[in-house]
Amino acid sequence: MLGASASSALLDTSLLDWVHPEHRANPHKLKLDVHTPRLEEKLLRLDGSVIDVEIMIRTIDYHGEPARQASMRDITERKVTAAALEAARLESEHASRSKSRFLASASHDLRQPAHALGMFVARLVELPTDA
């Protein structure tokens, strides 16, 4: 996931070493516990590219002692898809508002002359007619 050719390249490193620099300001966020069993973070790969990961932790029994097991999953594609869906939703809402404004204007423009004709006809009915 991090682009290492062997797991030995990642030994003796902390998770904070891989966290994107913009996200290192709050290392307490990375302290997972039973109250926060899952979080999303941006990590740097060895090649410098950025990936989104979901980090999950659980307490396990290790030789009779409680231990923490953390696992990470690459969610970059899910994040990109979610952003694209959000952009499409916003565009759709904008198009819907534009259509509603257009229909309201068109409706007003079409009703106004018809209403004026109705007033003219009502007035003509009131006027005396000759042969």
N, C-alpha and C. Protein backbone atom coordinates (compact mmCIF):
# COMPACT_ATOMS: atom_id res chain seq x y z
N MET A 1 0.82 -1.19 0.00
CA MET A 1 0.00 0.00 0.00
C MET A 1 0.87 1.27 0.00
N LEU A 2 1.96 1.22 0.73
CA LEU A 2 2.83 2.40 0.81
C LEU A 2 3.92 2.40 -0.25
N GLY A 3 3.94 1.39 -1.09
CA GLY A 3 4.88 1.36 -2.20
C GLY A 3 6.23 0.76 -1.87
N ALA A 4 6.35 0.04 -0.75
CA ALA A 4 7.62 -0.59 -0.39
C ALA A 4 7.75 -1.92 -1.14
N SER A 5 8.95 -2.21 -1.59
CA SER A 5 9.16 -3.48 -2.29
C SER A 5 9.27 -4.63 -1.30
N ALA A 6 9.61 -4.33 -0.06
CA ALA A 6 9.68 -5.36 0.98
C ALA A 6 9.23 -4.75 2.30
N SER A 7 8.69 -5.58 3.16
CA SER A 7 8.21 -5.08 4.45
C SER A 7 9.35 -4.52 5.30
N SER A 8 10.56 -4.96 5.06
CA SER A 8 11.71 -4.47 5.83
C SER A 8 11.92 -2.96 5.63
N ALA A 9 11.44 -2.43 4.52
CA ALA A 9 11.58 -0.98 4.27
C ALA A 9 10.73 -0.16 5.23
N LEU A 10 9.74 -0.79 5.85
CA LEU A 10 8.84 -0.08 6.74
C LEU A 10 9.13 -0.35 8.22
N LEU A 11 10.07 -1.26 8.50
CA LEU A 11 10.39 -1.58 9.89
C LEU A 11 11.00 -0.39 10.59
N ASP A 12 10.78 -0.33 11.87
CA ASP A 12 11.31 0.75 12.72
C ASP A 12 10.84 2.13 12.29
N THR A 13 9.64 2.21 11.71
CA THR A 13 9.06 3.51 11.39
C THR A 13 7.75 3.63 12.13
N SER A 14 7.38 4.84 12.43
CA SER A 14 6.13 5.12 13.10
C SER A 14 5.07 5.47 12.06
N LEU A 15 3.84 5.26 12.42
CA LEU A 15 2.75 5.65 11.53
C LEU A 15 2.82 7.14 11.22
N LEU A 16 3.27 7.93 12.20
CA LEU A 16 3.38 9.38 11.98
C LEU A 16 4.39 9.72 10.88
N ASP A 17 5.36 8.82 10.63
CA ASP A 17 6.32 9.07 9.56
C ASP A 17 5.63 9.06 8.19
N TRP A 18 4.51 8.39 8.10
CA TRP A 18 3.82 8.22 6.82
C TRP A 18 2.64 9.18 6.66
N VAL A 19 2.26 9.85 7.75
CA VAL A 19 1.12 10.76 7.70
C VAL A 19 1.50 11.98 6.86
N HIS A 20 0.58 12.43 6.04
CA HIS A 20 0.79 13.61 5.19
C HIS A 20 1.18 14.79 6.08
N PRO A 21 2.18 15.58 5.66
CA PRO A 21 2.66 16.70 6.50
C PRO A 21 1.56 17.65 6.97
N GLU A 22 0.57 17.91 6.16
CA GLU A 22 -0.51 18.82 6.55
C GLU A 22 -1.35 18.25 7.69
N HIS A 23 -1.27 16.94 7.91
CA HIS A 23 -2.09 16.29 8.92
C HIS A 23 -1.28 15.94 10.17
N ARG A 24 0.01 16.24 10.19
CA ARG A 24 0.85 15.89 11.34
C ARG A 24 0.66 16.83 12.51
N ALA A 25 0.00 17.95 12.29
CA ALA A 25 -0.16 18.96 13.34
C ALA A 25 -0.96 18.42 14.52
N ASN A 26 -1.80 17.42 14.30
CA ASN A 26 -2.64 16.89 15.37
C ASN A 26 -2.36 15.40 15.57
N PRO A 27 -1.21 15.04 16.19
CA PRO A 27 -0.90 13.62 16.36
C PRO A 27 -1.85 12.91 17.30
N HIS A 28 -2.55 13.67 18.16
CA HIS A 28 -3.50 13.04 19.07
C HIS A 28 -4.66 12.40 18.32
N LYS A 29 -4.91 12.91 17.13
CA LYS A 29 -5.97 12.35 16.30
C LYS A 29 -5.68 10.88 15.97
N LEU A 30 -4.39 10.54 15.89
CA LEU A 30 -4.01 9.19 15.53
C LEU A 30 -4.02 8.22 16.70
N LYS A 31 -4.33 8.68 17.88
CA LYS A 31 -4.40 7.78 19.03
C LYS A 31 -5.74 7.07 19.03
N LEU A 32 -5.75 5.92 18.46
CA LEU A 32 -6.97 5.14 18.38
C LEU A 32 -7.21 4.41 19.68
N ASP A 33 -8.46 4.33 20.07
CA ASP A 33 -8.80 3.55 21.25
C ASP A 33 -10.17 2.93 21.03
N VAL A 34 -10.70 2.32 22.07
CA VAL A 34 -11.99 1.64 21.92
C VAL A 34 -13.11 2.63 21.62
N HIS A 35 -12.91 3.89 21.98
CA HIS A 35 -13.93 4.90 21.71
C HIS A 35 -13.83 5.44 20.29
N THR A 36 -12.66 5.32 19.69
CA THR A 36 -12.44 5.74 18.31
C THR A 36 -11.78 4.57 17.57
N PRO A 37 -12.57 3.56 17.21
CA PRO A 37 -11.96 2.37 16.60
C PRO A 37 -11.60 2.54 15.13
N ARG A 38 -11.95 3.68 14.53
CA ARG A 38 -11.74 3.85 13.10
C ARG A 38 -11.50 5.32 12.80
N LEU A 39 -10.55 5.60 11.90
CA LEU A 39 -10.37 6.98 11.43
C LEU A 39 -9.84 6.94 10.01
N GLU A 40 -9.97 8.07 9.34
CA GLU A 40 -9.48 8.21 7.98
C GLU A 40 -8.33 9.20 8.01
N GLU A 41 -7.30 8.90 7.24
CA GLU A 41 -6.10 9.73 7.24
C GLU A 41 -5.48 9.73 5.85
N LYS A 42 -4.69 10.75 5.56
CA LYS A 42 -3.91 10.80 4.31
C LYS A 42 -2.49 10.36 4.64
N LEU A 43 -1.98 9.41 3.88
CA LEU A 43 -0.62 8.93 4.07
C LEU A 43 0.22 9.19 2.82
N LEU A 44 1.51 9.31 3.03
CA LEU A 44 2.45 9.48 1.92
C LEU A 44 3.04 8.12 1.57
N ARG A 45 3.04 7.81 0.31
CA ARG A 45 3.71 6.59 -0.16
C ARG A 45 5.20 6.89 -0.32
N LEU A 46 5.98 5.85 -0.50
CA LEU A 46 7.43 6.04 -0.67
C LEU A 46 7.76 6.90 -1.89
N ASP A 47 6.91 6.85 -2.92
CA ASP A 47 7.15 7.65 -4.12
C ASP A 47 6.66 9.09 -3.99
N GLY A 48 6.11 9.44 -2.82
CA GLY A 48 5.65 10.80 -2.58
C GLY A 48 4.18 11.03 -2.89
N SER A 49 3.52 10.08 -3.52
CA SER A 49 2.09 10.24 -3.81
C SER A 49 1.29 10.10 -2.52
N VAL A 50 0.09 10.62 -2.53
CA VAL A 50 -0.76 10.64 -1.34
C VAL A 50 -1.90 9.65 -1.54
N ILE A 51 -2.20 8.90 -0.49
CA ILE A 51 -3.35 7.99 -0.53
C ILE A 51 -4.20 8.24 0.71
N ASP A 52 -5.48 7.97 0.57
CA ASP A 52 -6.40 8.02 1.71
C ASP A 52 -6.51 6.62 2.25
N VAL A 53 -6.42 6.50 3.58
CA VAL A 53 -6.55 5.19 4.20
C VAL A 53 -7.54 5.26 5.34
N GLU A 54 -8.13 4.13 5.60
CA GLU A 54 -8.98 3.95 6.77
C GLU A 54 -8.16 3.10 7.73
N ILE A 55 -7.99 3.58 8.95
CA ILE A 55 -7.23 2.86 9.96
C ILE A 55 -8.22 2.35 11.00
N MET A 56 -8.18 1.05 11.23
CA MET A 56 -9.08 0.42 12.20
C MET A 56 -8.23 -0.28 13.25
N ILE A 57 -8.69 -0.21 14.48
CA ILE A 57 -7.95 -0.85 15.57
C ILE A 57 -8.89 -1.68 16.40
N ARG A 58 -8.34 -2.76 16.93
CA ARG A 58 -9.12 -3.58 17.85
C ARG A 58 -8.16 -4.14 18.88
N THR A 59 -8.71 -4.45 20.02
CA THR A 59 -7.92 -5.05 21.08
C THR A 59 -7.99 -6.56 20.92
N ILE A 60 -6.82 -7.19 20.97
CA ILE A 60 -6.75 -8.64 20.84
C ILE A 60 -5.99 -9.21 22.03
N ASP A 61 -6.06 -10.51 22.19
CA ASP A 61 -5.31 -11.20 23.23
C ASP A 61 -4.01 -11.71 22.61
N TYR A 62 -2.88 -11.30 23.17
CA TYR A 62 -1.58 -11.73 22.66
C TYR A 62 -0.82 -12.34 23.83
N HIS A 63 -0.74 -13.66 23.82
CA HIS A 63 -0.08 -14.41 24.90
C HIS A 63 -0.64 -14.03 26.26
N GLY A 64 -1.96 -13.93 26.33
CA GLY A 64 -2.61 -13.64 27.59
C GLY A 64 -2.64 -12.18 27.98
N GLU A 65 -2.07 -11.33 27.19
CA GLU A 65 -2.04 -9.89 27.46
C GLU A 65 -2.83 -9.16 26.39
N PRO A 66 -3.51 -8.07 26.77
CA PRO A 66 -4.21 -7.29 25.74
C PRO A 66 -3.20 -6.57 24.84
N ALA A 67 -3.47 -6.57 23.57
CA ALA A 67 -2.61 -5.90 22.60
C ALA A 67 -3.51 -5.21 21.59
N ARG A 68 -2.93 -4.26 20.87
CA ARG A 68 -3.68 -3.53 19.84
C ARG A 68 -3.30 -4.06 18.47
N GLN A 69 -4.29 -4.30 17.67
CA GLN A 69 -4.05 -4.69 16.28
C GLN A 69 -4.65 -3.60 15.39
N ALA A 70 -3.82 -3.02 14.57
CA ALA A 70 -4.28 -1.97 13.66
C ALA A 70 -4.21 -2.51 12.24
N SER A 71 -5.19 -2.15 11.47
CA SER A 71 -5.16 -2.51 10.05
C SER A 71 -5.54 -1.28 9.24
N MET A 72 -4.98 -1.20 8.04
CA MET A 72 -5.25 -0.07 7.17
C MET A 72 -5.79 -0.57 5.84
N ARG A 73 -6.65 0.25 5.28
CA ARG A 73 -7.24 -0.08 3.98
C ARG A 73 -7.19 1.17 3.11
N ASP A 74 -6.76 1.01 1.87
CA ASP A 74 -6.69 2.13 0.93
C ASP A 74 -8.11 2.47 0.47
N ILE A 75 -8.53 3.71 0.75
CA ILE A 75 -9.88 4.15 0.38
C ILE A 75 -9.81 5.32 -0.60
N THR A 76 -8.68 5.46 -1.27
CA THR A 76 -8.49 6.58 -2.20
C THR A 76 -9.56 6.59 -3.28
N GLU A 77 -9.80 5.44 -3.89
CA GLU A 77 -10.79 5.37 -4.97
C GLU A 77 -12.19 5.73 -4.46
N ARG A 78 -12.52 5.26 -3.25
CA ARG A 78 -13.83 5.59 -2.67
C ARG A 78 -13.95 7.09 -2.44
N LYS A 79 -12.87 7.74 -1.97
CA LYS A 79 -12.89 9.18 -1.74
C LYS A 79 -13.05 9.96 -3.04
N VAL A 80 -12.34 9.52 -4.09
CA VAL A 80 -12.44 10.18 -5.40
C VAL A 80 -13.86 10.04 -5.94
N THR A 81 -14.42 8.84 -5.82
CA THR A 81 -15.79 8.60 -6.29
C THR A 81 -16.79 9.44 -5.51
N ALA A 82 -16.62 9.51 -4.19
CA ALA A 82 -17.52 10.31 -3.37
C ALA A 82 -17.45 11.79 -3.74
N ALA A 83 -16.25 12.29 -4.01
CA ALA A 83 -16.09 13.69 -4.41
C ALA A 83 -16.76 13.94 -5.76
N ALA A 84 -16.62 13.00 -6.68
CA ALA A 84 -17.26 13.15 -8.00
C ALA A 84 -18.78 13.12 -7.87
N LEU A 85 -19.29 12.24 -7.02
CA LEU A 85 -20.75 12.18 -6.80
C LEU A 85 -21.26 13.47 -6.17
N GLU A 86 -20.51 14.01 -5.22
CA GLU A 86 -20.91 15.27 -4.58
C GLU A 86 -20.92 16.41 -5.60
N ALA A 87 -19.91 16.45 -6.46
CA ALA A 87 -19.86 17.49 -7.50
C ALA A 87 -21.04 17.35 -8.46
N ALA A 88 -21.38 16.11 -8.83
CA ALA A 88 -22.51 15.88 -9.72
C ALA A 88 -23.82 16.27 -9.04
N ARG A 89 -23.94 15.98 -7.74
CA ARG A 89 -25.16 16.36 -7.00
C ARG A 89 -25.31 17.87 -6.96
N LEU A 90 -24.22 18.57 -6.68
CA LEU A 90 -24.28 20.04 -6.64
C LEU A 90 -24.63 20.62 -8.00
N GLU A 91 -24.05 20.05 -9.06
CA GLU A 91 -24.36 20.51 -10.41
C GLU A 91 -25.83 20.26 -10.74
N SER A 92 -26.35 19.12 -10.33
CA SER A 92 -27.75 18.79 -10.58
C SER A 92 -28.68 19.74 -9.83
N GLU A 93 -28.33 20.05 -8.58
CA GLU A 93 -29.15 20.99 -7.80
C GLU A 93 -29.13 22.38 -8.44
N HIS A 94 -27.97 22.79 -8.93
CA HIS A 94 -27.86 24.09 -9.60
C HIS A 94 -28.73 24.11 -10.85
N ALA A 95 -28.68 23.04 -11.64
CA ALA A 95 -29.49 22.96 -12.86
C ALA A 95 -30.97 22.97 -12.52
N SER A 96 -31.35 22.29 -11.45
CA SER A 96 -32.75 22.25 -11.04
C SER A 96 -33.23 23.65 -10.62
N ARG A 97 -32.39 24.37 -9.85
CA ARG A 97 -32.77 25.74 -9.45
C ARG A 97 -32.89 26.65 -10.67
N SER A 98 -31.95 26.51 -11.62
CA SER A 98 -32.00 27.32 -12.84
C SER A 98 -33.27 27.04 -13.63
N LYS A 99 -33.63 25.75 -13.75
CA LYS A 99 -34.84 25.37 -14.46
C LYS A 99 -36.07 25.94 -13.77
N SER A 100 -36.11 25.88 -12.45
CA SER A 100 -37.25 26.41 -11.70
C SER A 100 -37.40 27.91 -11.90
N ARG A 101 -36.26 28.64 -11.87
CA ARG A 101 -36.32 30.09 -12.10
C ARG A 101 -36.82 30.39 -13.51
N PHE A 102 -36.34 29.63 -14.50
CA PHE A 102 -36.77 29.84 -15.89
C PHE A 102 -38.27 29.59 -16.01
N LEU A 103 -38.75 28.48 -15.46
CA LEU A 103 -40.18 28.16 -15.58
C LEU A 103 -41.05 29.19 -14.86
N ALA A 104 -40.58 29.70 -13.73
CA ALA A 104 -41.34 30.73 -13.02
C ALA A 104 -41.43 32.00 -13.86
N SER A 105 -40.31 32.39 -14.48
CA SER A 105 -40.32 33.58 -15.34
C SER A 105 -41.20 33.38 -16.55
N ALA A 106 -41.07 32.22 -17.20
CA ALA A 106 -41.87 31.93 -18.39
C ALA A 106 -43.35 31.90 -18.04
N SER A 107 -43.67 31.30 -16.91
CA SER A 107 -45.07 31.22 -16.49
C SER A 107 -45.64 32.62 -16.28
N HIS A 108 -44.87 33.48 -15.62
CA HIS A 108 -45.33 34.84 -15.40
C HIS A 108 -45.50 35.57 -16.72
N ASP A 109 -44.54 35.43 -17.62
CA ASP A 109 -44.60 36.12 -18.91
C ASP A 109 -45.77 35.63 -19.76
N LEU A 110 -46.15 34.37 -19.63
CA LEU A 110 -47.28 33.85 -20.40
C LEU A 110 -48.62 34.20 -19.76
N ARG A 111 -48.67 34.24 -18.44
CA ARG A 111 -49.93 34.56 -17.76
C ARG A 111 -50.29 36.03 -17.87
N GLN A 112 -49.33 36.91 -17.89
CA GLN A 112 -49.62 38.34 -17.89
C GLN A 112 -50.46 38.77 -19.11
N PRO A 113 -50.10 38.39 -20.35
CA PRO A 113 -50.95 38.79 -21.48
C PRO A 113 -52.34 38.14 -21.43
N ALA A 114 -52.40 36.88 -20.98
CA ALA A 114 -53.71 36.21 -20.89
C ALA A 114 -54.60 36.91 -19.86
N HIS A 115 -54.01 37.31 -18.75
CA HIS A 115 -54.77 38.02 -17.73
C HIS A 115 -55.26 39.37 -18.26
N ALA A 116 -54.40 40.06 -19.02
CA ALA A 116 -54.79 41.35 -19.60
C ALA A 116 -55.94 41.16 -20.58
N LEU A 117 -55.91 40.11 -21.42
CA LEU A 117 -57.01 39.83 -22.35
C LEU A 117 -58.32 39.59 -21.59
N GLY A 118 -58.23 38.84 -20.48
CA GLY A 118 -59.42 38.60 -19.67
C GLY A 118 -60.02 39.89 -19.13
N MET A 119 -59.16 40.83 -18.71
CA MET A 119 -59.65 42.12 -18.22
C MET A 119 -60.30 42.92 -19.34
N PHE A 120 -59.71 42.89 -20.56
CA PHE A 120 -60.30 43.60 -21.70
C PHE A 120 -61.68 43.03 -22.03
N VAL A 121 -61.79 41.72 -22.06
CA VAL A 121 -63.08 41.08 -22.38
C VAL A 121 -64.11 41.44 -21.32
N ALA A 122 -63.73 41.42 -20.04
CA ALA A 122 -64.67 41.78 -18.98
C ALA A 122 -65.15 43.22 -19.13
N ARG A 123 -64.27 44.10 -19.52
CA ARG A 123 -64.66 45.51 -19.71
C ARG A 123 -65.55 45.67 -20.93
N LEU A 124 -65.24 44.94 -22.00
CA LEU A 124 -66.06 45.02 -23.20
C LEU A 124 -67.48 44.54 -22.92
N VAL A 125 -67.62 43.54 -22.08
CA VAL A 125 -68.96 43.04 -21.74
C VAL A 125 -69.76 44.10 -21.03
N GLU A 126 -69.12 44.96 -20.26
CA GLU A 126 -69.80 46.00 -19.52
C GLU A 126 -70.23 47.18 -20.40
N LEU A 127 -69.59 47.35 -21.55
CA LEU A 127 -69.91 48.50 -22.41
C LEU A 127 -71.20 48.24 -23.21
N PRO A 128 -71.96 49.31 -23.41
CA PRO A 128 -73.17 49.14 -24.23
C PRO A 128 -72.79 48.86 -25.68
N THR A 129 -73.55 48.02 -26.27
CA THR A 129 -73.28 47.71 -27.68
C THR A 129 -74.42 48.26 -28.52
N ASP A 130 -74.16 48.63 -29.76
CA ASP A 130 -75.21 49.08 -30.66
C ASP A 130 -75.34 48.04 -31.79
N ALA A 131 -76.30 48.26 -32.60
CA ALA A 131 -76.59 47.32 -33.67
C ALA A 131 -75.43 47.22 -34.60
